[in-house]
Amino acid sequence: MMTRFNRNWKHKVNVAEIVCEAQDVDELTGEKAVAIAKAIVARLRESLPEQWFNLNDINCDETLIDIVTNLEAISVDDDEYPAETLDDCLEALYEWGDAERVWLSA
């Protein structure tokens, strides 16, 4: 049985246990920020339709692709503040999720 709440969301991506590790940006090491970003990208790719990630597909989602690209680009070597960059990416991801009706939680 589907509840009224569930009908409002197109997809559900369980990122809660990954994101909870990024709660305190000031305490997050660069290496940990990179690991969290990689884990989020993997979870998104396994949970969402493949065509959303393919620029050659008419159903691609360019905003999602930009967010994933930014998450994949987080690097200890190239990014002065990887934890803050991760925080910015998470903010963009949650805004995208709300707009596209993708539930990002447990």
PDB file of N, CA and C in Angstrom:
ATOM      1  N   MET A   1       0.828  -1.173   0.000  1.00  0.00           N
ATOM      2  CA  MET A   1       0.000   0.000   0.000  1.00  0.00           C
ATOM      3  C   MET A   1       0.883   1.251   0.000  1.00  0.00           C
ATOM      4  N   MET A   2       0.641   2.158  -0.906  1.00  0.00           N
ATOM      5  CA  MET A   2       1.412   3.393  -1.000  1.00  0.00           C
ATOM      6  C   MET A   2       0.690   4.497  -0.225  1.00  0.00           C
ATOM      7  N   THR A   3       1.432   5.179   0.615  1.00  0.00           N
ATOM      8  CA  THR A   3       0.823   6.263   1.381  1.00  0.00           C
ATOM      9  C   THR A   3       0.744   7.526   0.535  1.00  0.00           C
ATOM     10  N   ARG A   4      -0.046   8.456   0.976  1.00  0.00           N
ATOM     11  CA  ARG A   4      -0.178   9.738   0.271  1.00  0.00           C
ATOM     12  C   ARG A   4       1.173  10.417   0.137  1.00  0.00           C
ATOM     13  N   PHE A   5       1.995  10.353   1.173  1.00  0.00           N
ATOM     14  CA  PHE A   5       3.323  10.957   1.161  1.00  0.00           C
ATOM     15  C   PHE A   5       4.174  10.370   0.039  1.00  0.00           C
ATOM     16  N   ASN A   6       4.197   9.053  -0.100  1.00  0.00           N
ATOM     17  CA  ASN A   6       5.033   8.391  -1.091  1.00  0.00           C
ATOM     18  C   ASN A   6       4.677   8.788  -2.515  1.00  0.00           C
ATOM     19  N   ARG A   7       3.424   9.068  -2.792  1.00  0.00           N
ATOM     20  CA  ARG A   7       3.009   9.434  -4.136  1.00  0.00           C
ATOM     21  C   ARG A   7       3.560  10.788  -4.567  1.00  0.00           C
ATOM     22  N   ASN A   8       3.986  11.598  -3.617  1.00  0.00           N
ATOM     23  CA  ASN A   8       4.519  12.914  -3.940  1.00  0.00           C
ATOM     24  C   ASN A   8       5.962  12.874  -4.417  1.00  0.00           C
ATOM     25  N   TRP A   9       6.640  11.761  -4.245  1.00  0.00           N
ATOM     26  CA  TRP A   9       8.056  11.641  -4.594  1.00  0.00           C
ATOM     27  C   TRP A   9       8.221  10.628  -5.716  1.00  0.00           C
ATOM     28  N   LYS A  10       9.006  10.976  -6.728  1.00  0.00           N
ATOM     29  CA  LYS A  10       9.243  10.080  -7.858  1.00  0.00           C
ATOM     30  C   LYS A  10      10.218   8.959  -7.499  1.00  0.00           C
ATOM     31  N   HIS A  11      11.251   9.313  -6.747  1.00  0.00           N
ATOM     32  CA  HIS A  11      12.314   8.364  -6.404  1.00  0.00           C
ATOM     33  C   HIS A  11      12.764   8.616  -4.973  1.00  0.00           C
ATOM     34  N   LYS A  12      13.416   7.612  -4.404  1.00  0.00           N
ATOM     35  CA  LYS A  12      13.977   7.726  -3.063  1.00  0.00           C
ATOM     36  C   LYS A  12      15.431   7.272  -3.116  1.00  0.00           C
ATOM     37  N   VAL A  13      16.316   8.082  -2.561  1.00  0.00           N
ATOM     38  CA  VAL A  13      17.737   7.752  -2.500  1.00  0.00           C
ATOM     39  C   VAL A  13      18.163   7.831  -1.039  1.00  0.00           C
ATOM     40  N   ASN A  14      18.645   6.719  -0.510  1.00  0.00           N
ATOM     41  CA  ASN A  14      19.050   6.660   0.889  1.00  0.00           C
ATOM     42  C   ASN A  14      20.478   7.190   1.024  1.00  0.00           C
ATOM     43  N   VAL A  15      20.591   8.437   1.416  1.00  0.00           N
ATOM     44  CA  VAL A  15      21.904   9.040   1.625  1.00  0.00           C
ATOM     45  C   VAL A  15      22.137   9.432   3.086  1.00  0.00           C
ATOM     46  N   ALA A  16      21.183   9.151   3.941  1.00  0.00           N
ATOM     47  CA  ALA A  16      21.249   9.626   5.326  1.00  0.00           C
ATOM     48  C   ALA A  16      22.503   9.156   6.059  1.00  0.00           C
ATOM     49  N   GLU A  17      22.824   7.872   5.955  1.00  0.00           N
ATOM     50  CA  GLU A  17      23.987   7.374   6.702  1.00  0.00           C
ATOM     51  C   GLU A  17      25.292   7.913   6.132  1.00  0.00           C
ATOM     52  N   ILE A  18      25.292   8.297   4.865  1.00  0.00           N
ATOM     53  CA  ILE A  18      26.486   8.901   4.263  1.00  0.00           C
ATOM     54  C   ILE A  18      26.589  10.363   4.698  1.00  0.00           C
ATOM     55  N   VAL A  19      25.498  11.085   4.558  1.00  0.00           N
ATOM     56  CA  VAL A  19      25.488  12.524   4.829  1.00  0.00           C
ATOM     57  C   VAL A  19      25.692  12.825   6.310  1.00  0.00           C
ATOM     58  N   CYS A  20      25.254  11.933   7.189  1.00  0.00           N
ATOM     59  CA  CYS A  20      25.404  12.211   8.626  1.00  0.00           C
ATOM     60  C   CYS A  20      26.869  12.376   9.005  1.00  0.00           C
ATOM     61  N   GLU A  21      27.772  11.801   8.222  1.00  0.00           N
ATOM     62  CA  GLU A  21      29.197  11.947   8.496  1.00  0.00           C
ATOM     63  C   GLU A  21      29.709  13.340   8.150  1.00  0.00           C
ATOM     64  N   ALA A  22      28.904  14.116   7.423  1.00  0.00           N
ATOM     65  CA  ALA A  22      29.311  15.458   6.996  1.00  0.00           C
ATOM     66  C   ALA A  22      28.616  16.552   7.797  1.00  0.00           C
ATOM     67  N   GLN A  23      28.056  16.216   8.941  1.00  0.00           N
ATOM     68  CA  GLN A  23      27.280  17.178   9.717  1.00  0.00           C
ATOM     69  C   GLN A  23      28.091  18.388  10.161  1.00  0.00           C
ATOM     70  N   ASP A  24      29.296  18.186  10.628  1.00  0.00           N
ATOM     71  CA  ASP A  24      30.099  19.293  11.133  1.00  0.00           C
ATOM     72  C   ASP A  24      31.230  19.580  10.143  1.00  0.00           C
ATOM     73  N   VAL A  25      31.002  20.533   9.252  1.00  0.00           N
ATOM     74  CA  VAL A  25      31.959  20.856   8.199  1.00  0.00           C
ATOM     75  C   VAL A  25      33.305  21.277   8.785  1.00  0.00           C
ATOM     76  N   ASP A  26      33.289  21.964   9.928  1.00  0.00           N
ATOM     77  CA  ASP A  26      34.534  22.438  10.529  1.00  0.00           C
ATOM     78  C   ASP A  26      35.422  21.291  11.008  1.00  0.00           C
ATOM     79  N   GLU A  27      34.818  20.164  11.324  1.00  0.00           N
ATOM     80  CA  GLU A  27      35.567  19.014  11.826  1.00  0.00           C
ATOM     81  C   GLU A  27      35.895  17.988  10.741  1.00  0.00           C
ATOM     82  N   LEU A  28      35.417  18.202   9.540  1.00  0.00           N
ATOM     83  CA  LEU A  28      35.554  17.235   8.449  1.00  0.00           C
ATOM     84  C   LEU A  28      36.906  17.399   7.763  1.00  0.00           C
ATOM     85  N   THR A  29      37.684  16.321   7.715  1.00  0.00           N
ATOM     86  CA  THR A  29      38.970  16.377   7.021  1.00  0.00           C
ATOM     87  C   THR A  29      38.736  16.354   5.514  1.00  0.00           C
ATOM     88  N   GLY A  30      39.728  16.802   4.767  1.00  0.00           N
ATOM     89  CA  GLY A  30      39.636  16.781   3.319  1.00  0.00           C
ATOM     90  C   GLY A  30      39.450  15.384   2.774  1.00  0.00           C
ATOM     91  N   GLU A  31      40.183  14.432   3.327  1.00  0.00           N
ATOM     92  CA  GLU A  31      40.087  13.041   2.880  1.00  0.00           C
ATOM     93  C   GLU A  31      38.688  12.478   3.126  1.00  0.00           C
ATOM     94  N   LYS A  32      38.122  12.811   4.269  1.00  0.00           N
ATOM     95  CA  LYS A  32      36.777  12.336   4.593  1.00  0.00           C
ATOM     96  C   LYS A  32      35.742  12.979   3.671  1.00  0.00           C
ATOM     97  N   ALA A  33      35.912  14.258   3.355  1.00  0.00           N
ATOM     98  CA  ALA A  33      34.994  14.941   2.438  1.00  0.00           C
ATOM     99  C   ALA A  33      35.014  14.271   1.069  1.00  0.00           C
ATOM    100  N   VAL A  34      36.205  13.919   0.600  1.00  0.00           N
ATOM    101  CA  VAL A  34      36.337  13.234  -0.694  1.00  0.00           C
ATOM    102  C   VAL A  34      35.636  11.880  -0.634  1.00  0.00           C
ATOM    103  N   ALA A  35      35.832  11.128   0.438  1.00  0.00           N
ATOM    104  CA  ALA A  35      35.206   9.814   0.575  1.00  0.00           C
ATOM    105  C   ALA A  35      33.682   9.926   0.613  1.00  0.00           C
ATOM    106  N   ILE A  36      33.168  10.906   1.322  1.00  0.00           N
ATOM    107  CA  ILE A  36      31.716  11.108   1.394  1.00  0.00           C
ATOM    108  C   ILE A  36      31.173  11.476   0.023  1.00  0.00           C
ATOM    109  N   ALA A  37      31.858  12.359  -0.689  1.00  0.00           N
ATOM    110  CA  ALA A  37      31.420  12.756  -2.030  1.00  0.00           C
ATOM    111  C   ALA A  37      31.352  11.545  -2.956  1.00  0.00           C
ATOM    112  N   LYS A  38      32.367  10.706  -2.928  1.00  0.00           N
ATOM    113  CA  LYS A  38      32.388   9.504  -3.776  1.00  0.00           C
ATOM    114  C   LYS A  38      31.243   8.556  -3.410  1.00  0.00           C
ATOM    115  N   ALA A  39      30.983   8.405  -2.125  1.00  0.00           N
ATOM    116  CA  ALA A  39      29.903   7.517  -1.676  1.00  0.00           C
ATOM    117  C   ALA A  39      28.539   8.048  -2.114  1.00  0.00           C
ATOM    118  N   ILE A  40      28.355   9.353  -2.057  1.00  0.00           N
ATOM    119  CA  ILE A  40      27.089   9.949  -2.486  1.00  0.00           C
ATOM    120  C   ILE A  40      26.892   9.738  -3.988  1.00  0.00           C
ATOM    121  N   VAL A  41      27.941   9.970  -4.769  1.00  0.00           N
ATOM    122  CA  VAL A  41      27.841   9.767  -6.216  1.00  0.00           C
ATOM    123  C   VAL A  41      27.484   8.309  -6.528  1.00  0.00           C
ATOM    124  N   ALA A  42      28.130   7.392  -5.863  1.00  0.00           N
ATOM    125  CA  ALA A  42      27.833   5.968  -6.093  1.00  0.00           C
ATOM    126  C   ALA A  42      26.376   5.654  -5.759  1.00  0.00           C
ATOM    127  N   ARG A  43      25.877   6.183  -4.642  1.00  0.00           N
ATOM    128  CA  ARG A  43      24.497   5.933  -4.236  1.00  0.00           C
ATOM    129  C   ARG A  43      23.518   6.550  -5.235  1.00  0.00           C
ATOM    130  N   LEU A  44      23.808   7.758  -5.708  1.00  0.00           N
ATOM    131  CA  LEU A  44      22.940   8.387  -6.708  1.00  0.00           C
ATOM    132  C   LEU A  44      22.897   7.558  -7.981  1.00  0.00           C
ATOM    133  N   ARG A  45      24.055   7.113  -8.443  1.00  0.00           N
ATOM    134  CA  ARG A  45      24.118   6.345  -9.693  1.00  0.00           C
ATOM    135  C   ARG A  45      23.413   4.993  -9.578  1.00  0.00           C
ATOM    136  N   GLU A  46      23.440   4.387  -8.410  1.00  0.00           N
ATOM    137  CA  GLU A  46      22.778   3.090  -8.254  1.00  0.00           C
ATOM    138  C   GLU A  46      21.280   3.216  -8.002  1.00  0.00           C
ATOM    139  N   SER A  47      20.832   4.405  -7.596  1.00  0.00           N
ATOM    140  CA  SER A  47      19.438   4.579  -7.199  1.00  0.00           C
ATOM    141  C   SER A  47      18.560   5.312  -8.208  1.00  0.00           C
ATOM    142  N   LEU A  48      19.158   6.039  -9.113  1.00  0.00           N
ATOM    143  CA  LEU A  48      18.390   6.865 -10.048  1.00  0.00           C
ATOM    144  C   LEU A  48      18.512   6.318 -11.466  1.00  0.00           C
ATOM    145  N   PRO A  49      17.568   6.666 -12.326  1.00  0.00           N
ATOM    146  CA  PRO A  49      17.605   6.171 -13.708  1.00  0.00           C
ATOM    147  C   PRO A  49      18.908   6.553 -14.418  1.00  0.00           C
ATOM    148  N   GLU A  50      19.493   5.602 -15.105  1.00  0.00           N
ATOM    149  CA  GLU A  50      20.766   5.792 -15.791  1.00  0.00           C
ATOM    150  C   GLU A  50      20.714   6.933 -16.804  1.00  0.00           C
ATOM    151  N   GLN A  51      19.585   7.077 -17.490  1.00  0.00           N
ATOM    152  CA  GLN A  51      19.496   8.111 -18.525  1.00  0.00           C
ATOM    153  C   GLN A  51      19.623   9.521 -17.954  1.00  0.00           C
ATOM    154  N   TRP A  52      19.334   9.702 -16.684  1.00  0.00           N
ATOM    155  CA  TRP A  52      19.477  11.023 -16.069  1.00  0.00           C
ATOM    156  C   TRP A  52      20.933  11.498 -16.071  1.00  0.00           C
ATOM    157  N   PHE A  53      21.869  10.548 -16.139  1.00  0.00           N
ATOM    158  CA  PHE A  53      23.301  10.848 -16.074  1.00  0.00           C
ATOM    159  C   PHE A  53      23.958  10.916 -17.446  1.00  0.00           C
ATOM    160  N   ASN A  54      23.196  10.688 -18.499  1.00  0.00           N
ATOM    161  CA  ASN A  54      23.735  10.579 -19.849  1.00  0.00           C
ATOM    162  C   ASN A  54      23.352  11.807 -20.674  1.00  0.00           C
ATOM    163  N   LEU A  55      24.328  12.654 -20.970  1.00  0.00           N
ATOM    164  CA  LEU A  55      24.053  13.876 -21.732  1.00  0.00           C
ATOM    165  C   LEU A  55      23.521  13.590 -23.137  1.00  0.00           C
ATOM    166  N   ASN A  56      23.746  12.388 -23.641  1.00  0.00           N
ATOM    167  CA  ASN A  56      23.257  12.025 -24.971  1.00  0.00           C
ATOM    168  C   ASN A  56      21.816  11.530 -24.952  1.00  0.00           C
ATOM    169  N   ASP A  57      21.239  11.421 -23.784  1.00  0.00           N
ATOM    170  CA  ASP A  57      19.864  10.936 -23.649  1.00  0.00           C
ATOM    171  C   ASP A  57      18.919  12.116 -23.509  1.00  0.00           C
ATOM    172  N   ILE A  58      17.789  12.034 -24.176  1.00  0.00           N
ATOM    173  CA  ILE A  58      16.798  13.121 -24.115  1.00  0.00           C
ATOM    174  C   ILE A  58      16.274  13.337 -22.691  1.00  0.00           C
ATOM    175  N   ASN A  59      16.361  12.311 -21.846  1.00  0.00           N
ATOM    176  CA  ASN A  59      15.873  12.393 -20.467  1.00  0.00           C
ATOM    177  C   ASN A  59      16.965  12.754 -19.462  1.00  0.00           C
ATOM    178  N   CYS A  60      18.109  13.194 -19.950  1.00  0.00           N
ATOM    179  CA  CYS A  60      19.188  13.535 -19.013  1.00  0.00           C
ATOM    180  C   CYS A  60      18.764  14.714 -18.134  1.00  0.00           C
ATOM    181  N   ASP A  61      19.391  14.800 -16.994  1.00  0.00           N
ATOM    182  CA  ASP A  61      19.127  15.900 -16.072  1.00  0.00           C
ATOM    183  C   ASP A  61      20.439  16.658 -15.902  1.00  0.00           C
ATOM    184  N   GLU A  62      20.552  17.780 -16.603  1.00  0.00           N
ATOM    185  CA  GLU A  62      21.810  18.527 -16.604  1.00  0.00           C
ATOM    186  C   GLU A  62      22.175  19.072 -15.227  1.00  0.00           C
ATOM    187  N   THR A  63      21.189  19.420 -14.437  1.00  0.00           N
ATOM    188  CA  THR A  63      21.473  19.904 -13.088  1.00  0.00           C
ATOM    189  C   THR A  63      22.067  18.789 -12.239  1.00  0.00           C
ATOM    190  N   LEU A  64      21.482  17.609 -12.324  1.00  0.00           N
ATOM    191  CA  LEU A  64      22.022  16.462 -11.593  1.00  0.00           C
ATOM    192  C   LEU A  64      23.438  16.148 -12.067  1.00  0.00           C
ATOM    193  N   ILE A  65      23.655  16.174 -13.366  1.00  0.00           N
ATOM    194  CA  ILE A  65      24.986  15.904 -13.907  1.00  0.00           C
ATOM    195  C   ILE A  65      25.992  16.925 -13.379  1.00  0.00           C
ATOM    196  N   ASP A  66      25.605  18.192 -13.314  1.00  0.00           N
ATOM    197  CA  ASP A  66      26.493  19.230 -12.764  1.00  0.00           C
ATOM    198  C   ASP A  66      26.821  18.951 -11.299  1.00  0.00           C
ATOM    199  N   ILE A  67      25.822  18.562 -10.528  1.00  0.00           N
ATOM    200  CA  ILE A  67      26.046  18.269  -9.112  1.00  0.00           C
ATOM    201  C   ILE A  67      26.992  17.090  -8.959  1.00  0.00           C
ATOM    202  N   VAL A  68      26.749  16.020  -9.719  1.00  0.00           N
ATOM    203  CA  VAL A  68      27.608  14.832  -9.652  1.00  0.00           C
ATOM    204  C   VAL A  68      29.026  15.184 -10.093  1.00  0.00           C
ATOM    205  N   THR A  69      29.151  15.963 -11.152  1.00  0.00           N
ATOM    206  CA  THR A  69      30.470  16.374 -11.636  1.00  0.00           C
ATOM    207  C   THR A  69      31.206  17.164 -10.556  1.00  0.00           C
ATOM    208  N   ASN A  70      30.498  18.057  -9.881  1.00  0.00           N
ATOM    209  CA  ASN A  70      31.118  18.833  -8.801  1.00  0.00           C
ATOM    210  C   ASN A  70      31.510  17.945  -7.627  1.00  0.00           C
ATOM    211  N   LEU A  71      30.683  16.967  -7.290  1.00  0.00           N
ATOM    212  CA  LEU A  71      31.037  16.030  -6.217  1.00  0.00           C
ATOM    213  C   LEU A  71      32.270  15.212  -6.602  1.00  0.00           C
ATOM    214  N   GLU A  72      32.307  14.743  -7.848  1.00  0.00           N
ATOM    215  CA  GLU A  72      33.442  13.937  -8.309  1.00  0.00           C
ATOM    216  C   GLU A  72      34.734  14.753  -8.373  1.00  0.00           C
ATOM    217  N   ALA A  73      34.613  16.066  -8.519  1.00  0.00           N
ATOM    218  CA  ALA A  73      35.786  16.927  -8.632  1.00  0.00           C
ATOM    219  C   ALA A  73      36.396  17.298  -7.280  1.00  0.00           C
ATOM    220  N   ILE A  74      35.702  16.990  -6.199  1.00  0.00           N
ATOM    221  CA  ILE A  74      36.248  17.321  -4.881  1.00  0.00           C
ATOM    222  C   ILE A  74      37.518  16.525  -4.671  1.00  0.00           C
ATOM    223  N   SER A  75      38.581  17.249  -4.360  1.00  0.00           N
ATOM    224  CA  SER A  75      39.888  16.623  -4.221  1.00  0.00           C
ATOM    225  C   SER A  75      40.689  17.348  -3.159  1.00  0.00           C
ATOM    226  N   VAL A  76      41.457  16.604  -2.418  1.00  0.00           N
ATOM    227  CA  VAL A  76      42.324  17.201  -1.410  1.00  0.00           C
ATOM    228  C   VAL A  76      43.424  18.003  -2.103  1.00  0.00           C
ATOM    229  N   ASP A  77      43.869  17.532  -3.249  1.00  0.00           N
ATOM    230  CA  ASP A  77      44.960  18.191  -3.972  1.00  0.00           C
ATOM    231  C   ASP A  77      44.523  19.467  -4.685  1.00  0.00           C
ATOM    232  N   ASP A  78      43.321  19.444  -5.257  1.00  0.00           N
ATOM    233  CA  ASP A  78      42.882  20.553  -6.095  1.00  0.00           C
ATOM    234  C   ASP A  78      41.944  21.531  -5.407  1.00  0.00           C
ATOM    235  N   ASP A  79      41.438  21.171  -4.272  1.00  0.00           N
ATOM    236  CA  ASP A  79      40.422  21.987  -3.608  1.00  0.00           C
ATOM    237  C   ASP A  79      40.963  22.455  -2.262  1.00  0.00           C
ATOM    238  N   GLU A  80      41.018  23.770  -2.074  1.00  0.00           N
ATOM    239  CA  GLU A  80      41.562  24.317  -0.835  1.00  0.00           C
ATOM    240  C   GLU A  80      40.691  23.976   0.376  1.00  0.00           C
ATOM    241  N   TYR A  81      39.355  23.937   0.152  1.00  0.00           N
ATOM    242  CA  TYR A  81      38.427  23.663   1.239  1.00  0.00           C
ATOM    243  C   TYR A  81      37.439  22.567   0.813  1.00  0.00           C
ATOM    244  N   PRO A  82      37.877  21.315   0.748  1.00  0.00           N
ATOM    245  CA  PRO A  82      36.994  20.252   0.254  1.00  0.00           C
ATOM    246  C   PRO A  82      35.723  20.075   1.086  1.00  0.00           C
ATOM    247  N   ALA A  83      35.790  20.295   2.390  1.00  0.00           N
ATOM    248  CA  ALA A  83      34.597  20.132   3.222  1.00  0.00           C
ATOM    249  C   ALA A  83      33.554  21.190   2.882  1.00  0.00           C
ATOM    250  N   GLU A  84      33.995  22.421   2.643  1.00  0.00           N
ATOM    251  CA  GLU A  84      33.049  23.470   2.275  1.00  0.00           C
ATOM    252  C   GLU A  84      32.473  23.238   0.881  1.00  0.00           C
ATOM    253  N   THR A  85      33.298  22.735  -0.020  1.00  0.00           N
ATOM    254  CA  THR A  85      32.810  22.407  -1.358  1.00  0.00           C
ATOM    255  C   THR A  85      31.769  21.292  -1.272  1.00  0.00           C
ATOM    256  N   LEU A  86      32.032  20.292  -0.428  1.00  0.00           N
ATOM    257  CA  LEU A  86      31.062  19.218  -0.217  1.00  0.00           C
ATOM    258  C   LEU A  86      29.763  19.791   0.325  1.00  0.00           C
ATOM    259  N   ASP A  87      29.843  20.679   1.281  1.00  0.00           N
ATOM    260  CA  ASP A  87      28.650  21.298   1.861  1.00  0.00           C
ATOM    261  C   ASP A  87      27.846  22.036   0.784  1.00  0.00           C
ATOM    262  N   ASP A  88      28.529  22.762  -0.088  1.00  0.00           N
ATOM    263  CA  ASP A  88      27.853  23.464  -1.184  1.00  0.00           C
ATOM    264  C   ASP A  88      27.169  22.475  -2.134  1.00  0.00           C
ATOM    265  N   CYS A  89      27.854  21.384  -2.426  1.00  0.00           N
ATOM    266  CA  CYS A  89      27.282  20.357  -3.305  1.00  0.00           C
ATOM    267  C   CYS A  89      26.053  19.711  -2.672  1.00  0.00           C
ATOM    268  N   LEU A  90      26.110  19.445  -1.378  1.00  0.00           N
ATOM    269  CA  LEU A  90      24.964  18.856  -0.686  1.00  0.00           C
ATOM    270  C   LEU A  90      23.769  19.798  -0.704  1.00  0.00           C
ATOM    271  N   GLU A  91      24.022  21.077  -0.521  1.00  0.00           N
ATOM    272  CA  GLU A  91      22.945  22.059  -0.579  1.00  0.00           C
ATOM    273  C   GLU A  91      22.296  22.045  -1.964  1.00  0.00           C
ATOM    274  N   ALA A  92      23.111  22.014  -3.009  1.00  0.00           N
ATOM    275  CA  ALA A  92      22.590  21.966  -4.378  1.00  0.00           C
ATOM    276  C   ALA A  92      21.833  20.664  -4.625  1.00  0.00           C
ATOM    277  N   LEU A  93      22.341  19.557  -4.083  1.00  0.00           N
ATOM    278  CA  LEU A  93      21.684  18.263  -4.258  1.00  0.00           C
ATOM    279  C   LEU A  93      20.307  18.254  -3.605  1.00  0.00           C
ATOM    280  N   TYR A  94      20.204  18.768  -2.397  1.00  0.00           N
ATOM    281  CA  TYR A  94      18.898  18.793  -1.719  1.00  0.00           C
ATOM    282  C   TYR A  94      17.922  19.734  -2.414  1.00  0.00           C
ATOM    283  N   GLU A  95      18.404  20.864  -2.913  1.00  0.00           N
ATOM    284  CA  GLU A  95      17.523  21.753  -3.677  1.00  0.00           C
ATOM    285  C   GLU A  95      17.031  21.065  -4.947  1.00  0.00           C
ATOM    286  N   TRP A  96      17.932  20.365  -5.638  1.00  0.00           N
ATOM    287  CA  TRP A  96      17.553  19.622  -6.836  1.00  0.00           C
ATOM    288  C   TRP A  96      16.525  18.549  -6.471  1.00  0.00           C
ATOM    289  N   GLY A  97      16.780  17.806  -5.406  1.00  0.00           N
ATOM    290  CA  GLY A  97      15.868  16.752  -4.981  1.00  0.00           C
ATOM    291  C   GLY A  97      14.469  17.276  -4.706  1.00  0.00           C
ATOM    292  N   ASP A  98      14.376  18.395  -4.037  1.00  0.00           N
ATOM    293  CA  ASP A  98      13.063  18.996  -3.770  1.00  0.00           C
ATOM    294  C   ASP A  98      12.368  19.380  -5.073  1.00  0.00           C
ATOM    295  N   ALA A  99      13.109  19.994  -5.984  1.00  0.00           N
ATOM    296  CA  ALA A  99      12.520  20.442  -7.251  1.00  0.00           C
ATOM    297  C   ALA A  99      12.080  19.270  -8.125  1.00  0.00           C
ATOM    298  N   GLU A 100      12.844  18.179  -8.080  1.00  0.00           N
ATOM    299  CA  GLU A 100      12.566  17.020  -8.947  1.00  0.00           C
ATOM    300  C   GLU A 100      11.777  15.914  -8.240  1.00  0.00           C
ATOM    301  N   ARG A 101      11.393  16.182  -6.997  1.00  0.00           N
ATOM    302  CA  ARG A 101      10.607  15.219  -6.209  1.00  0.00           C
ATOM    303  C   ARG A 101      11.382  13.917  -5.986  1.00  0.00           C
ATOM    304  N   VAL A 102      12.656  14.059  -5.643  1.00  0.00           N
ATOM    305  CA  VAL A 102      13.510  12.917  -5.291  1.00  0.00           C
ATOM    306  C   VAL A 102      13.787  13.016  -3.803  1.00  0.00           C
ATOM    307  N   TRP A 103      13.314  12.013  -3.061  1.00  0.00           N
ATOM    308  CA  TRP A 103      13.482  12.001  -1.609  1.00  0.00           C
ATOM    309  C   TRP A 103      14.893  11.544  -1.280  1.00  0.00           C
ATOM    310  N   LEU A 104      15.655  12.411  -0.626  1.00  0.00           N
ATOM    311  CA  LEU A 104      17.042  12.123  -0.254  1.00  0.00           C
ATOM    312  C   LEU A 104      17.092  11.931   1.252  1.00  0.00           C
ATOM    313  N   SER A 105      16.957  10.680   1.686  1.00  0.00           N
ATOM    314  CA  SER A 105      16.909  10.403   3.116  1.00  0.00           C
ATOM    315  C   SER A 105      17.145   8.926   3.363  1.00  0.00           C
ATOM    316  N   ALA A 106      16.813   8.513   4.586  1.00  0.00           N
ATOM    317  CA  ALA A 106      16.938   7.101   4.969  1.00  0.00           C
ATOM    318  C   ALA A 106      15.756   6.314   4.475  1.00  0.00           C
TER     319      ALA A 106
END
